Amino acid sequence: MRSLLALLTAAAAALAGSVFVTDYEYQADIPVCEVEYEYQADLCVYPVEYEYQADDEDGLWYFCDYEYQADFTVCYVDYEYQADLKIYFVDYEYQAGWEESSEWRGRLH
């Protein structure tokens, strides 16, 4: 049941790019883990400066100051096994997007 709920939440999150980071996992829509290497990630994320830049792009995230501004909320967890989604922050916008081997790819839309 938890995986179905996580899938539905992630599907809603994938259609938007405004993100708010919470301190507690129970407040988050999706627990995420930032991995050390790009090949470990499900999604490569590039943080953008303006909200409109993140529209309809899964890998482009705009970080909001307040939860009510966000399309979805995330909480960073310490270990990969605690996360529903593993992310890696990239240096350039063109690098953002899903990794080929991700189990989430194709199931979010």
N, C-alpha and C. Protein backbone atom coordinates (compact mmCIF):
# COMPACT_ATOMS: atom_id res chain seq x y z
N MET A 1 0.82 -1.19 0.00
CA MET A 1 0.00 0.00 0.00
C MET A 1 0.87 1.26 0.00
N ARG A 2 1.96 1.21 0.77
CA ARG A 2 2.84 2.38 0.85
C ARG A 2 3.46 2.68 -0.52
N SER A 3 3.84 1.62 -1.24
CA SER A 3 4.46 1.85 -2.55
C SER A 3 3.46 2.43 -3.55
N LEU A 4 2.19 2.03 -3.45
CA LEU A 4 1.17 2.61 -4.32
C LEU A 4 0.97 4.08 -4.00
N LEU A 5 0.92 4.41 -2.72
CA LEU A 5 0.78 5.80 -2.31
C LEU A 5 1.99 6.61 -2.76
N ALA A 6 3.17 6.06 -2.62
CA ALA A 6 4.38 6.75 -3.06
C ALA A 6 4.38 6.96 -4.56
N LEU A 7 3.91 5.97 -5.31
CA LEU A 7 3.84 6.08 -6.76
C LEU A 7 2.87 7.19 -7.18
N LEU A 8 1.71 7.24 -6.56
CA LEU A 8 0.74 8.27 -6.89
C LEU A 8 1.26 9.66 -6.52
N THR A 9 1.91 9.76 -5.39
CA THR A 9 2.48 11.03 -4.96
C THR A 9 3.59 11.45 -5.90
N ALA A 10 4.44 10.52 -6.27
CA ALA A 10 5.53 10.83 -7.19
C ALA A 10 5.00 11.22 -8.56
N ALA A 11 3.90 10.61 -8.96
CA ALA A 11 3.30 10.97 -10.25
C ALA A 11 2.83 12.41 -10.24
N ALA A 12 2.22 12.83 -9.16
CA ALA A 12 1.79 14.22 -9.05
C ALA A 12 2.99 15.15 -9.02
N ALA A 13 4.02 14.73 -8.33
CA ALA A 13 5.22 15.55 -8.22
C ALA A 13 5.94 15.68 -9.55
N ALA A 14 5.87 14.66 -10.36
CA ALA A 14 6.60 14.68 -11.62
C ALA A 14 6.05 15.69 -12.61
N LEU A 15 4.82 16.10 -12.42
CA LEU A 15 4.21 17.04 -13.34
C LEU A 15 4.50 18.48 -12.96
N ALA A 16 5.18 18.69 -11.86
CA ALA A 16 5.44 20.03 -11.39
C ALA A 16 6.88 20.15 -10.94
N GLY A 17 7.33 21.37 -10.72
CA GLY A 17 8.72 21.53 -10.37
C GLY A 17 9.00 22.37 -9.15
N SER A 18 7.97 22.86 -8.46
CA SER A 18 8.18 23.65 -7.26
C SER A 18 8.29 22.72 -6.06
N VAL A 19 9.40 22.83 -5.34
CA VAL A 19 9.71 21.88 -4.27
C VAL A 19 9.93 22.62 -2.96
N PHE A 20 9.41 22.05 -1.89
CA PHE A 20 9.69 22.55 -0.55
C PHE A 20 10.32 21.41 0.23
N VAL A 21 11.39 21.70 0.93
CA VAL A 21 12.10 20.69 1.72
C VAL A 21 11.63 20.77 3.16
N THR A 22 11.09 19.67 3.67
CA THR A 22 10.64 19.60 5.05
C THR A 22 11.73 18.96 5.91
N ASP A 23 11.58 19.13 7.21
CA ASP A 23 12.54 18.56 8.15
C ASP A 23 12.20 17.13 8.55
N TYR A 24 10.94 16.76 8.38
CA TYR A 24 10.49 15.46 8.86
C TYR A 24 9.86 14.65 7.74
N GLU A 25 10.15 13.35 7.76
CA GLU A 25 9.68 12.47 6.70
C GLU A 25 8.16 12.39 6.64
N TYR A 26 7.49 12.43 7.77
CA TYR A 26 6.03 12.34 7.77
C TYR A 26 5.36 13.55 7.12
N GLN A 27 6.08 14.67 7.00
CA GLN A 27 5.53 15.86 6.35
C GLN A 27 5.76 15.86 4.84
N ALA A 28 6.58 14.97 4.36
CA ALA A 28 6.99 14.98 2.95
C ALA A 28 6.08 14.12 2.09
N ASP A 29 5.92 14.56 0.85
CA ASP A 29 5.24 13.73 -0.15
C ASP A 29 6.16 12.59 -0.58
N ILE A 30 7.43 12.90 -0.72
CA ILE A 30 8.41 11.92 -1.20
C ILE A 30 9.69 12.01 -0.39
N PRO A 31 10.08 10.92 0.26
CA PRO A 31 11.40 10.91 0.88
C PRO A 31 12.45 10.68 -0.20
N VAL A 32 13.47 11.53 -0.23
CA VAL A 32 14.52 11.42 -1.24
C VAL A 32 15.88 11.30 -0.57
N CYS A 33 16.77 10.67 -1.28
CA CYS A 33 18.15 10.54 -0.83
C CYS A 33 19.04 11.11 -1.91
N GLU A 34 19.92 12.01 -1.51
CA GLU A 34 20.89 12.55 -2.45
C GLU A 34 22.08 11.60 -2.49
N VAL A 35 22.34 11.05 -3.65
CA VAL A 35 23.43 10.08 -3.80
C VAL A 35 24.72 10.77 -4.23
N GLU A 36 25.81 10.07 -4.06
CA GLU A 36 27.12 10.65 -4.32
C GLU A 36 27.50 10.67 -5.80
N TYR A 37 26.99 9.69 -6.55
CA TYR A 37 27.36 9.58 -7.95
C TYR A 37 26.13 9.56 -8.84
N GLU A 38 26.27 10.09 -10.04
CA GLU A 38 25.16 10.20 -10.97
C GLU A 38 24.57 8.84 -11.33
N TYR A 39 25.39 7.82 -11.49
CA TYR A 39 24.89 6.51 -11.90
C TYR A 39 24.02 5.85 -10.83
N GLN A 40 24.08 6.33 -9.59
CA GLN A 40 23.28 5.78 -8.51
C GLN A 40 21.87 6.38 -8.47
N ALA A 41 21.65 7.46 -9.18
CA ALA A 41 20.40 8.22 -9.07
C ALA A 41 19.30 7.70 -9.98
N ASP A 42 18.07 7.88 -9.52
CA ASP A 42 16.91 7.67 -10.37
C ASP A 42 16.67 8.92 -11.22
N LEU A 43 16.91 10.08 -10.62
CA LEU A 43 16.63 11.34 -11.28
C LEU A 43 17.78 12.31 -11.04
N CYS A 44 18.27 12.90 -12.12
CA CYS A 44 19.28 13.96 -12.03
C CYS A 44 18.54 15.29 -11.98
N VAL A 45 18.85 16.09 -10.98
CA VAL A 45 18.11 17.32 -10.70
C VAL A 45 19.01 18.53 -10.91
N TYR A 46 18.45 19.53 -11.58
CA TYR A 46 19.13 20.81 -11.73
C TYR A 46 18.24 21.88 -11.08
N PRO A 47 18.72 22.55 -10.03
CA PRO A 47 17.90 23.59 -9.40
C PRO A 47 17.89 24.85 -10.25
N VAL A 48 16.70 25.38 -10.49
CA VAL A 48 16.55 26.57 -11.32
C VAL A 48 16.27 27.79 -10.43
N GLU A 49 16.48 28.95 -11.00
CA GLU A 49 16.36 30.20 -10.25
C GLU A 49 14.92 30.71 -10.17
N TYR A 50 14.12 30.41 -11.20
CA TYR A 50 12.75 30.91 -11.25
C TYR A 50 11.77 29.76 -11.43
N GLU A 51 10.60 29.90 -10.84
CA GLU A 51 9.60 28.84 -10.85
C GLU A 51 9.15 28.45 -12.25
N TYR A 52 8.98 29.41 -13.15
CA TYR A 52 8.51 29.10 -14.49
C TYR A 52 9.49 28.21 -15.26
N GLN A 53 10.76 28.21 -14.88
CA GLN A 53 11.75 27.38 -15.56
C GLN A 53 11.56 25.89 -15.27
N ALA A 54 10.86 25.58 -14.21
CA ALA A 54 10.70 24.19 -13.78
C ALA A 54 9.39 23.56 -14.27
N ASP A 55 8.55 24.30 -14.95
CA ASP A 55 7.27 23.77 -15.39
C ASP A 55 7.43 22.59 -16.34
N ASP A 56 6.74 21.51 -16.03
CA ASP A 56 6.66 20.31 -16.87
C ASP A 56 8.01 19.65 -17.15
N GLU A 57 8.97 19.89 -16.33
CA GLU A 57 10.27 19.24 -16.48
C GLU A 57 10.61 18.52 -15.18
N ASP A 58 10.70 17.19 -15.23
CA ASP A 58 10.92 16.40 -14.02
C ASP A 58 12.25 16.72 -13.35
N GLY A 59 13.27 16.97 -14.11
CA GLY A 59 14.60 17.16 -13.55
C GLY A 59 14.94 18.58 -13.16
N LEU A 60 14.06 19.52 -13.44
CA LEU A 60 14.28 20.91 -13.08
C LEU A 60 13.42 21.25 -11.88
N TRP A 61 14.07 21.59 -10.77
CA TRP A 61 13.35 21.87 -9.53
C TRP A 61 13.59 23.30 -9.10
N TYR A 62 12.51 23.95 -8.69
CA TYR A 62 12.57 25.27 -8.09
C TYR A 62 12.27 25.10 -6.60
N PHE A 63 13.19 25.53 -5.75
CA PHE A 63 13.02 25.36 -4.31
C PHE A 63 12.31 26.58 -3.73
N CYS A 64 11.13 26.34 -3.15
CA CYS A 64 10.29 27.40 -2.58
C CYS A 64 10.71 27.70 -1.15
N ASP A 65 10.33 28.89 -0.70
CA ASP A 65 10.60 29.29 0.68
C ASP A 65 9.51 28.81 1.64
N TYR A 66 8.31 28.58 1.12
CA TYR A 66 7.18 28.19 1.97
C TYR A 66 6.47 26.99 1.37
N GLU A 67 5.94 26.15 2.26
CA GLU A 67 5.30 24.92 1.83
C GLU A 67 4.08 25.17 0.93
N TYR A 68 3.31 26.21 1.22
CA TYR A 68 2.11 26.47 0.43
C TYR A 68 2.43 26.86 -1.02
N GLN A 69 3.66 27.26 -1.29
CA GLN A 69 4.05 27.62 -2.65
C GLN A 69 4.44 26.40 -3.49
N ALA A 70 4.67 25.30 -2.83
CA ALA A 70 5.24 24.13 -3.50
C ALA A 70 4.19 23.24 -4.13
N ASP A 71 4.60 22.59 -5.23
CA ASP A 71 3.77 21.57 -5.86
C ASP A 71 3.90 20.24 -5.13
N PHE A 72 5.05 20.01 -4.53
CA PHE A 72 5.26 18.83 -3.71
C PHE A 72 6.36 19.09 -2.70
N THR A 73 6.38 18.26 -1.66
CA THR A 73 7.38 18.41 -0.61
C THR A 73 8.26 17.18 -0.56
N VAL A 74 9.51 17.41 -0.21
CA VAL A 74 10.46 16.30 -0.05
C VAL A 74 11.13 16.41 1.30
N CYS A 75 11.63 15.30 1.74
CA CYS A 75 12.44 15.24 2.95
C CYS A 75 13.68 14.44 2.60
N TYR A 76 14.83 14.98 2.93
CA TYR A 76 16.07 14.25 2.68
C TYR A 76 16.27 13.21 3.78
N VAL A 77 16.50 11.98 3.37
CA VAL A 77 16.79 10.90 4.31
C VAL A 77 18.25 10.52 4.18
N ASP A 78 18.76 9.87 5.19
CA ASP A 78 20.19 9.59 5.26
C ASP A 78 20.64 8.39 4.42
N TYR A 79 19.75 7.44 4.23
CA TYR A 79 20.14 6.20 3.57
C TYR A 79 19.25 5.93 2.36
N GLU A 80 19.82 5.31 1.35
CA GLU A 80 19.10 5.01 0.12
C GLU A 80 17.87 4.13 0.36
N TYR A 81 17.97 3.18 1.28
CA TYR A 81 16.85 2.28 1.52
C TYR A 81 15.64 2.99 2.14
N GLN A 82 15.85 4.18 2.71
CA GLN A 82 14.75 4.95 3.28
C GLN A 82 14.03 5.79 2.23
N ALA A 83 14.63 5.94 1.08
CA ALA A 83 14.11 6.86 0.05
C ALA A 83 13.23 6.16 -0.96
N ASP A 84 12.22 6.87 -1.42
CA ASP A 84 11.42 6.42 -2.56
C ASP A 84 12.04 6.87 -3.87
N LEU A 85 12.88 7.89 -3.78
CA LEU A 85 13.50 8.45 -4.97
C LEU A 85 14.94 8.86 -4.64
N LYS A 86 15.88 8.43 -5.48
CA LYS A 86 17.29 8.81 -5.31
C LYS A 86 17.61 9.89 -6.35
N ILE A 87 18.19 11.00 -5.87
CA ILE A 87 18.49 12.11 -6.76
C ILE A 87 19.98 12.46 -6.72
N TYR A 88 20.41 13.08 -7.80
CA TYR A 88 21.78 13.59 -7.91
C TYR A 88 21.70 14.98 -8.51
N PHE A 89 22.34 15.95 -7.87
CA PHE A 89 22.32 17.32 -8.39
C PHE A 89 23.41 17.49 -9.43
N VAL A 90 23.01 17.98 -10.60
CA VAL A 90 23.93 18.16 -11.72
C VAL A 90 24.31 19.63 -11.86
N ASP A 91 25.36 19.88 -12.62
CA ASP A 91 25.89 21.23 -12.78
C ASP A 91 25.25 22.01 -13.93
N TYR A 92 24.67 21.29 -14.87
CA TYR A 92 24.11 21.94 -16.05
C TYR A 92 22.69 21.46 -16.31
N GLU A 93 21.87 22.36 -16.84
CA GLU A 93 20.47 22.06 -17.08
C GLU A 93 20.28 20.88 -18.04
N TYR A 94 21.10 20.78 -19.07
CA TYR A 94 20.93 19.71 -20.05
C TYR A 94 21.19 18.32 -19.46
N GLN A 95 21.84 18.25 -18.31
CA GLN A 95 22.11 16.97 -17.66
C GLN A 95 20.93 16.45 -16.85
N ALA A 96 19.96 17.30 -16.59
CA ALA A 96 18.82 16.93 -15.74
C ALA A 96 17.89 15.97 -16.47
N GLY A 97 17.34 15.05 -15.70
CA GLY A 97 16.38 14.10 -16.25
C GLY A 97 16.54 12.72 -15.63
N TRP A 98 15.73 11.82 -16.13
CA TRP A 98 15.73 10.44 -15.62
C TRP A 98 16.92 9.66 -16.12
N GLU A 99 17.40 8.79 -15.28
CA GLU A 99 18.43 7.85 -15.69
C GLU A 99 17.76 6.69 -16.41
N GLU A 100 18.45 6.13 -17.36
CA GLU A 100 17.89 5.05 -18.19
C GLU A 100 17.42 3.85 -17.37
N SER A 101 18.16 3.51 -16.33
CA SER A 101 17.88 2.29 -15.58
C SER A 101 16.88 2.49 -14.45
N SER A 102 16.30 3.65 -14.32
CA SER A 102 15.40 3.93 -13.21
C SER A 102 14.12 3.12 -13.29
N GLU A 103 13.72 2.56 -12.16
CA GLU A 103 12.46 1.82 -12.10
C GLU A 103 11.26 2.78 -12.15
N TRP A 104 11.47 4.05 -11.88
CA TRP A 104 10.42 5.05 -11.92
C TRP A 104 10.17 5.57 -13.32
N ARG A 105 11.12 5.43 -14.19
CA ARG A 105 11.01 5.99 -15.55
C ARG A 105 9.80 5.38 -16.28
N GLY A 106 8.99 6.25 -16.85
CA GLY A 106 7.83 5.78 -17.59
C GLY A 106 6.61 5.49 -16.76
N ARG A 107 6.73 5.50 -15.43
CA ARG A 107 5.59 5.20 -14.56
C ARG A 107 5.02 6.46 -13.92
N LEU A 108 5.66 7.58 -14.10
CA LEU A 108 5.21 8.79 -13.44
C LEU A 108 4.22 9.61 -14.23
N HIS A 109 4.13 9.40 -15.52
CA HIS A 109 3.21 10.21 -16.33
C HIS A 109 2.01 9.40 -16.73
